[in-house]
């Protein structure tokens, strides 16, 4: 679709049957089922998925900080993957995804420094359409050959180098996702993944930082556009902050049947070691009417036992 004139389709490999059971291994090539990019699995994570669309056997009502009752949601284990995105595909997915990156606080005295490793994403098991390729370097990414090497005796034929194992081990607390939250309102599904990034000292106080990744998916055929965001941020220190604004990350994405999803990341800081966030996104229909989509409540928890700052730039 929308292929530039003069461009032709190229074969990238052969499709494999998606796994109904078990998990994909390091080195598995795939196409992203929503965003369409080529990628390769670095390693899997086991996350707790809190899906508010699935009714619990016992629907208990609990009072949350938003001041209204909500059903208690039990987390279930679900497999997510840390992956590399093919750099050739990044320009083509920029309209429907902020090209994902892992961000972290720098390991030095500049407390304002924030670094990013581009072309990294987290994808769920059902996002993966596996394929195989005879190309020894099938993914173009600056970290591909640092992290993986070709071994024709293995299936898949790309295996982790020691560099990848060391990077995962060293940065484990800042890479690992533990909770995924999902909720659907009027056929718009919101998925949130929070990550703890670390603590910084500023003006004789501690500031805790989190990154959160949000995916918006239109499960209907009607075109809608995101117009506003409305956040409520509660800190264990006792503060409750309200944030309103136009769009997200400077964009007001349109979700259509052709491009049903949009994904982005942002950051939040608290002067307490934990808190939680919730809110709504306001969408507009073609007739000009608006409706609010719930952002599922998610907790911000710190890894208090981790003292060493992340170190992602040194190999």
Foldseek 3Di string as FASTA:
>chain_A
DPDDPPDDDDDLFFFDDADPDDADAFQWWWAFQAQGFIKTFHHKAKAWEFELVDDDPDFDWDQDPVGGTDTDTGTDIFMKTKMFTAPVCVVVRVQFEVQDWQKAQAQDDPRVDIDTQTRIDIGTSVRTGTGAHPDQCSGDDPCQVVFWGAQPVDVVRIDGDVSSVVQCVQCVQQPHWHYKYWYWDPQKIKIKTKHWHDWDDDPNAIKTKMKMKIKIFRRDAFKKKWFKWWKWKFAPVGDIDIDIDTPPPPDTHIAHPVNGMHMDMDMDMDRHQKTKMWTWIWMAGPVGDIDITTGDIDMRHHPVVDDRHGDNPDD
